[in-house]
Amino acid sequence: MNDAVEPTREEIDAIAEPLVVEFGTSWCGHCARAQPLIAAALAAHPGLRHVKVEDGPGRRLGRSFRVKLWPTLVFLRQGVEVARLVRPADTTEIENALARIETAG
């Protein structure tokens, strides 16, 4: 995760194209284990927007999405949550969620 400026909820909600928002931290073991799965699933969707958000106490964006565990992947289309995965265990569940945001609407 990087420490770039966290987008606002309004900025996230305004993105019309399919979007995956990934909440986690750089020191989270669950996040580290999920990275190869997330990367493999996203590799088949090179044009898909993926925003990583460093989460934690005082981070408003994570709270606005009611994130409780890391990593949490929120799949959005036109600012609307279509799917959510918490601590994904395999690429299949990530692929299924990706298919939902690409065909939703």
PDB file of N, CA and C in Angstrom:
ATOM      1  N   MET A   1       0.847  -1.180   0.000  1.00  0.00           N
ATOM      2  CA  MET A   1       0.000   0.000   0.000  1.00  0.00           C
ATOM      3  C   MET A   1       0.888   1.237   0.000  1.00  0.00           C
ATOM      4  N   ASN A   2       0.415   2.270  -0.607  1.00  0.00           N
ATOM      5  CA  ASN A   2       1.199   3.490  -0.581  1.00  0.00           C
ATOM      6  C   ASN A   2       0.528   4.517   0.317  1.00  0.00           C
ATOM      7  N   ASP A   3       1.240   5.553   0.638  1.00  0.00           N
ATOM      8  CA  ASP A   3       0.721   6.585   1.514  1.00  0.00           C
ATOM      9  C   ASP A   3       0.255   7.794   0.728  1.00  0.00           C
ATOM     10  N   ALA A   4      -0.160   7.586  -0.514  1.00  0.00           N
ATOM     11  CA  ALA A   4      -0.680   8.678  -1.329  1.00  0.00           C
ATOM     12  C   ALA A   4      -1.944   9.215  -0.669  1.00  0.00           C
ATOM     13  N   VAL A   5      -2.347  10.369  -1.092  1.00  0.00           N
ATOM     14  CA  VAL A   5      -3.535  10.985  -0.517  1.00  0.00           C
ATOM     15  C   VAL A   5      -4.738  10.071  -0.740  1.00  0.00           C
ATOM     16  N   GLU A   6      -5.437   9.801   0.333  1.00  0.00           N
ATOM     17  CA  GLU A   6      -6.613   8.943   0.278  1.00  0.00           C
ATOM     18  C   GLU A   6      -7.737   9.666  -0.462  1.00  0.00           C
ATOM     19  N   PRO A   7      -8.368   8.997  -1.427  1.00  0.00           N
ATOM     20  CA  PRO A   7      -9.492   9.644  -2.110  1.00  0.00           C
ATOM     21  C   PRO A   7     -10.659   9.802  -1.145  1.00  0.00           C
ATOM     22  N   THR A   8     -11.539  10.722  -1.445  1.00  0.00           N
ATOM     23  CA  THR A   8     -12.734  10.890  -0.622  1.00  0.00           C
ATOM     24  C   THR A   8     -13.805   9.909  -1.079  1.00  0.00           C
ATOM     25  N   ARG A   9     -14.792   9.702  -0.254  1.00  0.00           N
ATOM     26  CA  ARG A   9     -15.907   8.833  -0.630  1.00  0.00           C
ATOM     27  C   ARG A   9     -16.625   9.418  -1.845  1.00  0.00           C
ATOM     28  N   GLU A  10     -16.751  10.732  -1.890  1.00  0.00           N
ATOM     29  CA  GLU A  10     -17.405  11.383  -3.022  1.00  0.00           C
ATOM     30  C   GLU A  10     -16.641  11.123  -4.325  1.00  0.00           C
ATOM     31  N   GLU A  11     -15.313  11.165  -4.254  1.00  0.00           N
ATOM     32  CA  GLU A  11     -14.503  10.888  -5.448  1.00  0.00           C
ATOM     33  C   GLU A  11     -14.694   9.445  -5.912  1.00  0.00           C
ATOM     34  N   ILE A  12     -14.713   8.513  -4.975  1.00  0.00           N
ATOM     35  CA  ILE A  12     -14.916   7.100  -5.307  1.00  0.00           C
ATOM     36  C   ILE A  12     -16.304   6.898  -5.906  1.00  0.00           C
ATOM     37  N   ASP A  13     -17.328   7.464  -5.260  1.00  0.00           N
ATOM     38  CA  ASP A  13     -18.706   7.299  -5.728  1.00  0.00           C
ATOM     39  C   ASP A  13     -18.919   7.898  -7.111  1.00  0.00           C
ATOM     40  N   ALA A  14     -18.121   8.885  -7.492  1.00  0.00           N
ATOM     41  CA  ALA A  14     -18.286   9.566  -8.781  1.00  0.00           C
ATOM     42  C   ALA A  14     -17.653   8.814  -9.945  1.00  0.00           C
ATOM     43  N   ILE A  15     -16.882   7.768  -9.675  1.00  0.00           N
ATOM     44  CA  ILE A  15     -16.230   7.013 -10.744  1.00  0.00           C
ATOM     45  C   ILE A  15     -17.259   6.105 -11.406  1.00  0.00           C
ATOM     46  N   ALA A  16     -17.499   6.342 -12.679  1.00  0.00           N
ATOM     47  CA  ALA A  16     -18.553   5.611 -13.394  1.00  0.00           C
ATOM     48  C   ALA A  16     -18.116   4.215 -13.825  1.00  0.00           C
ATOM     49  N   GLU A  17     -16.861   4.086 -14.224  1.00  0.00           N
ATOM     50  CA  GLU A  17     -16.421   2.790 -14.736  1.00  0.00           C
ATOM     51  C   GLU A  17     -16.240   1.797 -13.582  1.00  0.00           C
ATOM     52  N   PRO A  18     -16.222   0.491 -13.929  1.00  0.00           N
ATOM     53  CA  PRO A  18     -15.999  -0.520 -12.895  1.00  0.00           C
ATOM     54  C   PRO A  18     -14.705  -0.237 -12.125  1.00  0.00           C
ATOM     55  N   LEU A  19     -14.757  -0.474 -10.828  1.00  0.00           N
ATOM     56  CA  LEU A  19     -13.665  -0.117  -9.928  1.00  0.00           C
ATOM     57  C   LEU A  19     -13.561  -1.135  -8.810  1.00  0.00           C
ATOM     58  N   VAL A  20     -12.323  -1.480  -8.449  1.00  0.00           N
ATOM     59  CA  VAL A  20     -12.075  -2.299  -7.267  1.00  0.00           C
ATOM     60  C   VAL A  20     -11.313  -1.432  -6.272  1.00  0.00           C
ATOM     61  N   VAL A  21     -11.858  -1.309  -5.066  1.00  0.00           N
ATOM     62  CA  VAL A  21     -11.169  -0.588  -4.005  1.00  0.00           C
ATOM     63  C   VAL A  21     -10.690  -1.637  -3.013  1.00  0.00           C
ATOM     64  N   GLU A  22      -9.389  -1.648  -2.788  1.00  0.00           N
ATOM     65  CA  GLU A  22      -8.764  -2.634  -1.894  1.00  0.00           C
ATOM     66  C   GLU A  22      -8.311  -1.928  -0.623  1.00  0.00           C
ATOM     67  N   PHE A  23      -8.862  -2.347   0.508  1.00  0.00           N
ATOM     68  CA  PHE A  23      -8.490  -1.793   1.804  1.00  0.00           C
ATOM     69  C   PHE A  23      -7.570  -2.773   2.520  1.00  0.00           C
ATOM     70  N   GLY A  24      -6.487  -2.262   3.099  1.00  0.00           N
ATOM     71  CA  GLY A  24      -5.555  -3.090   3.847  1.00  0.00           C
ATOM     72  C   GLY A  24      -4.420  -2.247   4.379  1.00  0.00           C
ATOM     73  N   THR A  25      -3.359  -2.909   4.798  1.00  0.00           N
ATOM     74  CA  THR A  25      -2.159  -2.221   5.270  1.00  0.00           C
ATOM     75  C   THR A  25      -0.930  -2.947   4.754  1.00  0.00           C
ATOM     76  N   SER A  26       0.178  -2.265   4.795  1.00  0.00           N
ATOM     77  CA  SER A  26       1.430  -2.862   4.322  1.00  0.00           C
ATOM     78  C   SER A  26       1.961  -3.933   5.272  1.00  0.00           C
ATOM     79  N   TRP A  27       1.558  -3.889   6.531  1.00  0.00           N
ATOM     80  CA  TRP A  27       2.086  -4.839   7.522  1.00  0.00           C
ATOM     81  C   TRP A  27       1.132  -5.994   7.833  1.00  0.00           C
ATOM     82  N   CYS A  28      -0.021  -6.039   7.175  1.00  0.00           N
ATOM     83  CA  CYS A  28      -1.036  -7.066   7.433  1.00  0.00           C
ATOM     84  C   CYS A  28      -0.661  -8.379   6.746  1.00  0.00           C
ATOM     85  N   GLY A  29      -0.532  -9.445   7.519  1.00  0.00           N
ATOM     86  CA  GLY A  29      -0.196 -10.754   6.964  1.00  0.00           C
ATOM     87  C   GLY A  29      -1.251 -11.279   6.006  1.00  0.00           C
ATOM     88  N   HIS A  30      -2.520 -11.091   6.344  1.00  0.00           N
ATOM     89  CA  HIS A  30      -3.607 -11.523   5.456  1.00  0.00           C
ATOM     90  C   HIS A  30      -3.525 -10.784   4.118  1.00  0.00           C
ATOM     91  N   CYS A  31      -3.193  -9.485   4.192  1.00  0.00           N
ATOM     92  CA  CYS A  31      -3.063  -8.678   2.969  1.00  0.00           C
ATOM     93  C   CYS A  31      -1.926  -9.204   2.098  1.00  0.00           C
ATOM     94  N   ALA A  32      -0.804  -9.497   2.723  1.00  0.00           N
ATOM     95  CA  ALA A  32       0.358  -9.995   1.988  1.00  0.00           C
ATOM     96  C   ALA A  32       0.040 -11.321   1.311  1.00  0.00           C
ATOM     97  N   ARG A  33      -0.658 -12.222   2.025  1.00  0.00           N
ATOM     98  CA  ARG A  33      -1.016 -13.518   1.449  1.00  0.00           C
ATOM     99  C   ARG A  33      -1.999 -13.369   0.282  1.00  0.00           C
ATOM    100  N   ALA A  34      -2.850 -12.351   0.336  1.00  0.00           N
ATOM    101  CA  ALA A  34      -3.853 -12.171  -0.724  1.00  0.00           C
ATOM    102  C   ALA A  34      -3.287 -11.498  -1.973  1.00  0.00           C
ATOM    103  N   GLN A  35      -2.154 -10.804  -1.861  1.00  0.00           N
ATOM    104  CA  GLN A  35      -1.625 -10.048  -3.000  1.00  0.00           C
ATOM    105  C   GLN A  35      -1.426 -10.876  -4.266  1.00  0.00           C
ATOM    106  N   PRO A  36      -0.831 -12.070  -4.209  1.00  0.00           N
ATOM    107  CA  PRO A  36      -0.676 -12.852  -5.448  1.00  0.00           C
ATOM    108  C   PRO A  36      -2.027 -13.240  -6.060  1.00  0.00           C
ATOM    109  N   LEU A  37      -3.028 -13.529  -5.223  1.00  0.00           N
ATOM    110  CA  LEU A  37      -4.361 -13.882  -5.713  1.00  0.00           C
ATOM    111  C   LEU A  37      -5.009 -12.696  -6.410  1.00  0.00           C
ATOM    112  N   ILE A  38      -4.917 -11.533  -5.775  1.00  0.00           N
ATOM    113  CA  ILE A  38      -5.503 -10.315  -6.332  1.00  0.00           C
ATOM    114  C   ILE A  38      -4.808  -9.964  -7.651  1.00  0.00           C
ATOM    115  N   ALA A  39      -3.481 -10.025  -7.649  1.00  0.00           N
ATOM    116  CA  ALA A  39      -2.717  -9.697  -8.865  1.00  0.00           C
ATOM    117  C   ALA A  39      -3.065 -10.646 -10.003  1.00  0.00           C
ATOM    118  N   ALA A  40      -3.186 -11.924  -9.707  1.00  0.00           N
ATOM    119  CA  ALA A  40      -3.510 -12.907 -10.750  1.00  0.00           C
ATOM    120  C   ALA A  40      -4.892 -12.647 -11.331  1.00  0.00           C
ATOM    121  N   ALA A  41      -5.854 -12.363 -10.490  1.00  0.00           N
ATOM    122  CA  ALA A  41      -7.213 -12.105 -10.972  1.00  0.00           C
ATOM    123  C   ALA A  41      -7.268 -10.811 -11.787  1.00  0.00           C
ATOM    124  N   LEU A  42      -6.600  -9.775 -11.303  1.00  0.00           N
ATOM    125  CA  LEU A  42      -6.622  -8.488 -12.005  1.00  0.00           C
ATOM    126  C   LEU A  42      -5.835  -8.524 -13.313  1.00  0.00           C
ATOM    127  N   ALA A  43      -4.879  -9.442 -13.444  1.00  0.00           N
ATOM    128  CA  ALA A  43      -4.064  -9.531 -14.662  1.00  0.00           C
ATOM    129  C   ALA A  43      -4.934  -9.790 -15.895  1.00  0.00           C
ATOM    130  N   ALA A  44      -6.052 -10.464 -15.706  1.00  0.00           N
ATOM    131  CA  ALA A  44      -6.949 -10.754 -16.817  1.00  0.00           C
ATOM    132  C   ALA A  44      -7.869  -9.577 -17.146  1.00  0.00           C
ATOM    133  N   HIS A  45      -7.731  -8.486 -16.385  1.00  0.00           N
ATOM    134  CA  HIS A  45      -8.579  -7.302 -16.562  1.00  0.00           C
ATOM    135  C   HIS A  45      -7.703  -6.050 -16.551  1.00  0.00           C
ATOM    136  N   PRO A  46      -6.803  -5.916 -17.527  1.00  0.00           N
ATOM    137  CA  PRO A  46      -5.817  -4.833 -17.491  1.00  0.00           C
ATOM    138  C   PRO A  46      -6.408  -3.420 -17.524  1.00  0.00           C
ATOM    139  N   GLY A  47      -7.604  -3.254 -18.046  1.00  0.00           N
ATOM    140  CA  GLY A  47      -8.193  -1.919 -18.115  1.00  0.00           C
ATOM    141  C   GLY A  47      -9.000  -1.536 -16.893  1.00  0.00           C
ATOM    142  N   LEU A  48      -9.153  -2.463 -15.970  1.00  0.00           N
ATOM    143  CA  LEU A  48      -9.969  -2.221 -14.786  1.00  0.00           C
ATOM    144  C   LEU A  48      -9.239  -1.321 -13.788  1.00  0.00           C
ATOM    145  N   ARG A  49      -9.933  -0.366 -13.260  1.00  0.00           N
ATOM    146  CA  ARG A  49      -9.347   0.541 -12.276  1.00  0.00           C
ATOM    147  C   ARG A  49      -9.300  -0.146 -10.912  1.00  0.00           C
ATOM    148  N   HIS A  50      -8.143  -0.067 -10.258  1.00  0.00           N
ATOM    149  CA  HIS A  50      -7.892  -0.710  -8.960  1.00  0.00           C
ATOM    150  C   HIS A  50      -7.244   0.321  -8.057  1.00  0.00           C
ATOM    151  N   VAL A  51      -7.896   0.631  -6.952  1.00  0.00           N
ATOM    152  CA  VAL A  51      -7.380   1.626  -6.015  1.00  0.00           C
ATOM    153  C   VAL A  51      -7.063   0.931  -4.699  1.00  0.00           C
ATOM    154  N   LYS A  52      -5.807   1.011  -4.284  1.00  0.00           N
ATOM    155  CA  LYS A  52      -5.396   0.464  -2.991  1.00  0.00           C
ATOM    156  C   LYS A  52      -5.448   1.585  -1.963  1.00  0.00           C
ATOM    157  N   VAL A  53      -6.063   1.295  -0.824  1.00  0.00           N
ATOM    158  CA  VAL A  53      -6.207   2.289   0.226  1.00  0.00           C
ATOM    159  C   VAL A  53      -5.608   1.742   1.515  1.00  0.00           C
ATOM    160  N   GLU A  54      -4.621   2.462   2.028  1.00  0.00           N
ATOM    161  CA  GLU A  54      -4.042   2.131   3.337  1.00  0.00           C
ATOM    162  C   GLU A  54      -5.114   2.454   4.372  1.00  0.00           C
ATOM    163  N   ASP A  55      -5.524   1.453   5.118  1.00  0.00           N
ATOM    164  CA  ASP A  55      -6.621   1.623   6.061  1.00  0.00           C
ATOM    165  C   ASP A  55      -6.105   1.585   7.489  1.00  0.00           C
ATOM    166  N   GLY A  56      -6.917   2.029   8.403  1.00  0.00           N
ATOM    167  CA  GLY A  56      -6.553   1.998   9.811  1.00  0.00           C
ATOM    168  C   GLY A  56      -7.324   3.039  10.589  1.00  0.00           C
ATOM    169  N   PRO A  57      -7.014   3.169  11.874  1.00  0.00           N
ATOM    170  CA  PRO A  57      -7.703   4.142  12.708  1.00  0.00           C
ATOM    171  C   PRO A  57      -7.611   5.549  12.117  1.00  0.00           C
ATOM    172  N   GLY A  58      -8.721   6.233  12.137  1.00  0.00           N
ATOM    173  CA  GLY A  58      -8.754   7.596  11.637  1.00  0.00           C
ATOM    174  C   GLY A  58      -8.857   7.723  10.136  1.00  0.00           C
ATOM    175  N   ARG A  59      -8.921   6.609   9.431  1.00  0.00           N
ATOM    176  CA  ARG A  59      -9.037   6.640   7.969  1.00  0.00           C
ATOM    177  C   ARG A  59     -10.526   6.620   7.604  1.00  0.00           C
ATOM    178  N   ARG A  60     -11.013   7.721   7.101  1.00  0.00           N
ATOM    179  CA  ARG A  60     -12.448   7.886   6.859  1.00  0.00           C
ATOM    180  C   ARG A  60     -13.010   7.004   5.757  1.00  0.00           C
ATOM    181  N   LEU A  61     -12.253   6.807   4.697  1.00  0.00           N
ATOM    182  CA  LEU A  61     -12.791   6.044   3.572  1.00  0.00           C
ATOM    183  C   LEU A  61     -13.139   4.620   3.993  1.00  0.00           C
ATOM    184  N   GLY A  62     -12.255   3.974   4.717  1.00  0.00           N
ATOM    185  CA  GLY A  62     -12.530   2.625   5.196  1.00  0.00           C
ATOM    186  C   GLY A  62     -13.746   2.569   6.100  1.00  0.00           C
ATOM    187  N   ARG A  63     -13.889   3.571   6.954  1.00  0.00           N
ATOM    188  CA  ARG A  63     -15.046   3.613   7.840  1.00  0.00           C
ATOM    189  C   ARG A  63     -16.328   3.802   7.046  1.00  0.00           C
ATOM    190  N   SER A  64     -16.272   4.622   5.980  1.00  0.00           N
ATOM    191  CA  SER A  64     -17.477   4.868   5.183  1.00  0.00           C
ATOM    192  C   SER A  64     -17.946   3.602   4.471  1.00  0.00           C
ATOM    193  N   PHE A  65     -17.025   2.678   4.212  1.00  0.00           N
ATOM    194  CA  PHE A  65     -17.374   1.395   3.603  1.00  0.00           C
ATOM    195  C   PHE A  65     -17.572   0.301   4.655  1.00  0.00           C
ATOM    196  N   ARG A  66     -17.489   0.661   5.929  1.00  0.00           N
ATOM    197  CA  ARG A  66     -17.661  -0.275   7.057  1.00  0.00           C
ATOM    198  C   ARG A  66     -16.679  -1.447   6.990  1.00  0.00           C
ATOM    199  N   VAL A  67     -15.435  -1.125   6.651  1.00  0.00           N
ATOM    200  CA  VAL A  67     -14.383  -2.144   6.595  1.00  0.00           C
ATOM    201  C   VAL A  67     -14.002  -2.538   8.016  1.00  0.00           C
ATOM    202  N   LYS A  68     -13.983  -3.842   8.279  1.00  0.00           N
ATOM    203  CA  LYS A  68     -13.628  -4.333   9.609  1.00  0.00           C
ATOM    204  C   LYS A  68     -12.401  -5.232   9.592  1.00  0.00           C
ATOM    205  N   LEU A  69     -12.202  -5.964   8.495  1.00  0.00           N
ATOM    206  CA  LEU A  69     -11.061  -6.875   8.374  1.00  0.00           C
ATOM    207  C   LEU A  69     -10.313  -6.568   7.089  1.00  0.00           C
ATOM    208  N   TRP A  70      -9.034  -6.893   7.062  1.00  0.00           N
ATOM    209  CA  TRP A  70      -8.192  -6.684   5.882  1.00  0.00           C
ATOM    210  C   TRP A  70      -7.741  -8.011   5.312  1.00  0.00           C
ATOM    211  N   PRO A  71      -7.497  -8.073   4.049  1.00  0.00           N
ATOM    212  CA  PRO A  71      -7.929  -7.106   3.060  1.00  0.00           C
ATOM    213  C   PRO A  71      -9.423  -7.232   2.790  1.00  0.00           C
ATOM    214  N   THR A  72     -10.023  -6.103   2.459  1.00  0.00           N
ATOM    215  CA  THR A  72     -11.405  -6.073   1.991  1.00  0.00           C
ATOM    216  C   THR A  72     -11.385  -5.474   0.593  1.00  0.00           C
ATOM    217  N   LEU A  73     -11.985  -6.180  -0.339  1.00  0.00           N
ATOM    218  CA  LEU A  73     -12.106  -5.708  -1.718  1.00  0.00           C
ATOM    219  C   LEU A  73     -13.561  -5.315  -1.949  1.00  0.00           C
ATOM    220  N   VAL A  74     -13.759  -4.080  -2.378  1.00  0.00           N
ATOM    221  CA  VAL A  74     -15.096  -3.596  -2.688  1.00  0.00           C
ATOM    222  C   VAL A  74     -15.159  -3.377  -4.199  1.00  0.00           C
ATOM    223  N   PHE A  75     -16.116  -4.018  -4.839  1.00  0.00           N
ATOM    224  CA  PHE A  75     -16.275  -3.978  -6.288  1.00  0.00           C
ATOM    225  C   PHE A  75     -17.432  -3.037  -6.607  1.00  0.00           C
ATOM    226  N   LEU A  76     -17.127  -1.962  -7.318  1.00  0.00           N
ATOM    227  CA  LEU A  76     -18.110  -0.918  -7.587  1.00  0.00           C
ATOM    228  C   LEU A  76     -18.349  -0.751  -9.081  1.00  0.00           C
ATOM    229  N   ARG A  77     -19.576  -0.382  -9.411  1.00  0.00           N
ATOM    230  CA  ARG A  77     -19.926  -0.007 -10.779  1.00  0.00           C
ATOM    231  C   ARG A  77     -20.831   1.203 -10.664  1.00  0.00           C
ATOM    232  N   GLN A  78     -20.431   2.293 -11.301  1.00  0.00           N
ATOM    233  CA  GLN A  78     -21.150   3.564 -11.255  1.00  0.00           C
ATOM    234  C   GLN A  78     -21.393   4.004  -9.810  1.00  0.00           C
ATOM    235  N   GLY A  79     -20.379   3.779  -8.974  1.00  0.00           N
ATOM    236  CA  GLY A  79     -20.439   4.214  -7.588  1.00  0.00           C
ATOM    237  C   GLY A  79     -21.267   3.341  -6.668  1.00  0.00           C
ATOM    238  N   VAL A  80     -21.793   2.249  -7.186  1.00  0.00           N
ATOM    239  CA  VAL A  80     -22.637   1.360  -6.396  1.00  0.00           C
ATOM    240  C   VAL A  80     -21.890   0.056  -6.126  1.00  0.00           C
ATOM    241  N   GLU A  81     -21.895  -0.374  -4.870  1.00  0.00           N
ATOM    242  CA  GLU A  81     -21.247  -1.631  -4.515  1.00  0.00           C
ATOM    243  C   GLU A  81     -22.022  -2.796  -5.106  1.00  0.00           C
ATOM    244  N   VAL A  82     -21.305  -3.626  -5.881  1.00  0.00           N
ATOM    245  CA  VAL A  82     -21.898  -4.785  -6.535  1.00  0.00           C
ATOM    246  C   VAL A  82     -21.466  -6.076  -5.831  1.00  0.00           C
ATOM    247  N   ALA A  83     -20.264  -6.064  -5.272  1.00  0.00           N
ATOM    248  CA  ALA A  83     -19.740  -7.240  -4.571  1.00  0.00           C
ATOM    249  C   ALA A  83     -18.707  -6.783  -3.551  1.00  0.00           C
ATOM    250  N   ARG A  84     -18.433  -7.662  -2.585  1.00  0.00           N
ATOM    251  CA  ARG A  84     -17.423  -7.396  -1.558  1.00  0.00           C
ATOM    252  C   ARG A  84     -16.804  -8.727  -1.163  1.00  0.00           C
ATOM    253  N   LEU A  85     -15.486  -8.720  -1.037  1.00  0.00           N
ATOM    254  CA  LEU A  85     -14.778  -9.899  -0.554  1.00  0.00           C
ATOM    255  C   LEU A  85     -13.905  -9.494   0.625  1.00  0.00           C
ATOM    256  N   VAL A  86     -13.965 -10.289   1.675  1.00  0.00           N
ATOM    257  CA  VAL A  86     -13.132 -10.062   2.846  1.00  0.00           C
ATOM    258  C   VAL A  86     -12.183 -11.251   2.959  1.00  0.00           C
ATOM    259  N   ARG A  87     -10.893 -10.951   2.949  1.00  0.00           N
ATOM    260  CA  ARG A  87      -9.857 -11.985   3.005  1.00  0.00           C
ATOM    261  C   ARG A  87     -10.072 -13.075   1.960  1.00  0.00           C
ATOM    262  N   PRO A  88     -10.036 -12.707   0.682  1.00  0.00           N
ATOM    263  CA  PRO A  88     -10.256 -13.708  -0.366  1.00  0.00           C
ATOM    264  C   PRO A  88      -9.246 -14.848  -0.267  1.00  0.00           C
ATOM    265  N   ALA A  89      -9.761 -16.072  -0.500  1.00  0.00           N
ATOM    266  CA  ALA A  89      -8.923 -17.260  -0.342  1.00  0.00           C
ATOM    267  C   ALA A  89      -8.454 -17.849  -1.663  1.00  0.00           C
ATOM    268  N   ASP A  90      -9.082 -17.434  -2.782  1.00  0.00           N
ATOM    269  CA  ASP A  90      -8.649 -17.961  -4.073  1.00  0.00           C
ATOM    270  C   ASP A  90      -9.024 -16.988  -5.184  1.00  0.00           C
ATOM    271  N   THR A  91      -8.420 -17.205  -6.345  1.00  0.00           N
ATOM    272  CA  THR A  91      -8.664 -16.293  -7.462  1.00  0.00           C
ATOM    273  C   THR A  91     -10.070 -16.446  -8.026  1.00  0.00           C
ATOM    274  N   THR A  92     -10.688 -17.614  -7.870  1.00  0.00           N
ATOM    275  CA  THR A  92     -12.024 -17.837  -8.418  1.00  0.00           C
ATOM    276  C   THR A  92     -13.039 -16.875  -7.831  1.00  0.00           C
ATOM    277  N   GLU A  93     -13.022 -16.676  -6.525  1.00  0.00           N
ATOM    278  CA  GLU A  93     -14.002 -15.762  -5.933  1.00  0.00           C
ATOM    279  C   GLU A  93     -13.738 -14.317  -6.367  1.00  0.00           C
ATOM    280  N   ILE A  94     -12.478 -13.973  -6.578  1.00  0.00           N
ATOM    281  CA  ILE A  94     -12.158 -12.626  -7.071  1.00  0.00           C
ATOM    282  C   ILE A  94     -12.640 -12.485  -8.510  1.00  0.00           C
ATOM    283  N   GLU A  95     -12.386 -13.493  -9.336  1.00  0.00           N
ATOM    284  CA  GLU A  95     -12.843 -13.482 -10.736  1.00  0.00           C
ATOM    285  C   GLU A  95     -14.363 -13.368 -10.815  1.00  0.00           C
ATOM    286  N   ASN A  96     -15.077 -14.084  -9.957  1.00  0.00           N
ATOM    287  CA  ASN A  96     -16.532 -14.018  -9.954  1.00  0.00           C
ATOM    288  C   ASN A  96     -17.026 -12.617  -9.618  1.00  0.00           C
ATOM    289  N   ALA A  97     -16.387 -11.967  -8.663  1.00  0.00           N
ATOM    290  CA  ALA A  97     -16.765 -10.603  -8.292  1.00  0.00           C
ATOM    291  C   ALA A  97     -16.432  -9.632  -9.433  1.00  0.00           C
ATOM    292  N   LEU A  98     -15.294  -9.837 -10.093  1.00  0.00           N
ATOM    293  CA  LEU A  98     -14.924  -9.004 -11.229  1.00  0.00           C
ATOM    294  C   LEU A  98     -15.949  -9.137 -12.353  1.00  0.00           C
ATOM    295  N   ALA A  99     -16.408 -10.341 -12.591  1.00  0.00           N
ATOM    296  CA  ALA A  99     -17.421 -10.567 -13.638  1.00  0.00           C
ATOM    297  C   ALA A  99     -18.713  -9.822 -13.302  1.00  0.00           C
ATOM    298  N   ARG A 100     -19.042  -9.736 -12.031  1.00  0.00           N
ATOM    299  CA  ARG A 100     -20.270  -9.042 -11.622  1.00  0.00           C
ATOM    300  C   ARG A 100     -20.199  -7.546 -11.897  1.00  0.00           C
ATOM    301  N   ILE A 101     -19.025  -6.924 -11.714  1.00  0.00           N
ATOM    302  CA  ILE A 101     -18.972  -5.483 -11.964  1.00  0.00           C
ATOM    303  C   ILE A 101     -18.847  -5.183 -13.456  1.00  0.00           C
ATOM    304  N   GLU A 102     -18.361  -6.136 -14.209  1.00  0.00           N
ATOM    305  CA  GLU A 102     -18.240  -5.913 -15.650  1.00  0.00           C
ATOM    306  C   GLU A 102     -19.559  -6.155 -16.376  1.00  0.00           C
ATOM    307  N   THR A 103     -20.465  -6.930 -15.794  1.00  0.00           N
ATOM    308  CA  THR A 103     -21.733  -7.234 -16.454  1.00  0.00           C
ATOM    309  C   THR A 103     -22.924  -6.592 -15.757  1.00  0.00           C
ATOM    310  N   ALA A 104     -22.711  -6.007 -14.580  1.00  0.00           N
ATOM    311  CA  ALA A 104     -23.816  -5.385 -13.844  1.00  0.00           C
ATOM    312  C   ALA A 104     -24.342  -4.198 -14.624  1.00  0.00           C
ATOM    313  N   GLY A 105     -25.574  -3.866 -14.338  1.00  0.00           N
ATOM    314  CA  GLY A 105     -26.095  -2.658 -14.927  1.00  0.00           C
ATOM    315  C   GLY A 105     -27.316  -2.910 -15.690  1.00  0.00           C
TER     316      GLY A 105
END
